Amino acid sequence: MSHKYALGQLVHSAGTRFADRTDGVYEIVRLMPESTNGEFGYRIRHTTTGTQRAVGESEIRAVSARPKPLSTH
């Protein structure tokens, strides 16, 4: 098994552990080893504030590569 996200990839925090501080976009800055529960970890850095934290794979989601087109209807 391998990491779902890559170094340098942009992600959003999806977890509720930091509910008051999770808004914004983060960059993957380090790939962490698999934990005892079988989940890979990541070190992420907020792209605006520079705040860093360690998160599990289930706590983040990828930033969409392309925005959804606006409906003209």
Protein backbone atom coordinates (compact mmCIF):
# COMPACT_ATOMS: atom_id res chain seq x y z
CA MET A 1 0.00 0.00 0.00
CA SER A 2 1.16 3.56 -0.62
CA HIS A 3 0.26 7.15 0.15
CA LYS A 4 -2.88 8.50 -1.54
CA TYR A 5 -1.51 12.07 -1.72
CA ALA A 6 1.85 13.29 -3.05
CA LEU A 7 4.46 15.68 -1.73
CA GLY A 8 3.53 19.21 -2.82
CA GLN A 9 -0.12 18.35 -3.47
CA LEU A 10 -2.76 20.81 -2.26
CA VAL A 11 -5.43 19.54 0.12
CA HIS A 12 -8.23 20.70 2.41
CA SER A 13 -8.50 19.52 5.98
CA ALA A 14 -11.55 17.27 6.23
CA GLY A 15 -11.25 16.35 9.89
CA THR A 16 -13.07 17.95 12.79
CA ARG A 17 -10.16 17.73 15.20
CA PHE A 18 -9.25 21.36 14.45
CA ALA A 19 -12.77 22.55 13.67
CA ASP A 20 -12.02 26.20 14.47
CA ARG A 21 -8.77 26.33 12.46
CA THR A 22 -9.18 24.14 9.38
CA ASP A 23 -10.36 26.58 6.72
CA GLY A 24 -8.13 27.10 3.73
CA VAL A 25 -5.73 25.18 1.55
CA TYR A 26 -2.79 23.16 2.80
CA GLU A 27 0.26 21.75 1.03
CA ILE A 28 1.65 18.29 1.72
CA VAL A 29 5.19 18.97 3.00
CA ARG A 30 6.13 15.51 4.32
CA LEU A 31 4.95 11.94 3.87
CA MET A 32 4.79 10.15 7.20
CA PRO A 33 4.96 6.40 7.82
CA GLU A 34 1.95 4.16 8.18
CA SER A 35 0.52 4.21 11.71
CA THR A 36 -0.37 1.19 13.81
CA ASN A 37 -3.98 1.44 12.60
CA GLY A 38 -2.83 1.13 8.96
CA GLU A 39 -3.36 4.77 8.00
CA PHE A 40 -0.66 6.84 6.33
CA GLY A 41 0.17 10.22 7.79
CA TYR A 42 1.15 13.59 6.36
CA ARG A 43 2.69 16.82 7.53
CA ILE A 44 0.68 19.69 6.00
CA ARG A 45 1.31 23.45 5.89
CA HIS A 46 -1.38 26.11 5.50
CA THR A 47 -0.61 28.00 2.29
CA THR A 48 -1.47 31.39 3.80
CA THR A 49 -0.49 31.28 7.48
CA GLY A 50 2.29 28.69 7.29
CA THR A 51 0.79 26.78 10.21
CA GLN A 52 1.84 23.12 10.13
CA ARG A 53 0.24 20.03 11.60
CA ALA A 54 0.35 16.26 11.29
CA VAL A 55 -2.78 14.56 9.96
CA GLY A 56 -3.95 11.13 8.93
CA GLU A 57 -5.03 10.33 5.38
CA SER A 58 -8.69 10.26 6.42
CA GLU A 59 -8.44 13.85 7.70
CA ILE A 60 -7.65 15.47 4.34
CA ARG A 61 -9.11 15.63 0.85
CA ALA A 62 -7.59 16.78 -2.43
CA VAL A 63 -8.20 20.27 -3.77
CA SER A 64 -10.09 19.97 -7.06
CA ALA A 65 -7.83 20.37 -10.07
CA ARG A 66 -10.52 22.17 -12.08
CA PRO A 67 -13.42 24.21 -10.74
CA LYS A 68 -16.86 23.02 -11.77
CA PRO A 69 -18.29 25.04 -14.66
CA LEU A 70 -21.10 27.45 -13.83
CA SER A 71 -24.50 26.42 -15.04
CA THR A 72 -25.96 28.68 -17.73
CA HIS A 73 -29.52 27.45 -17.12
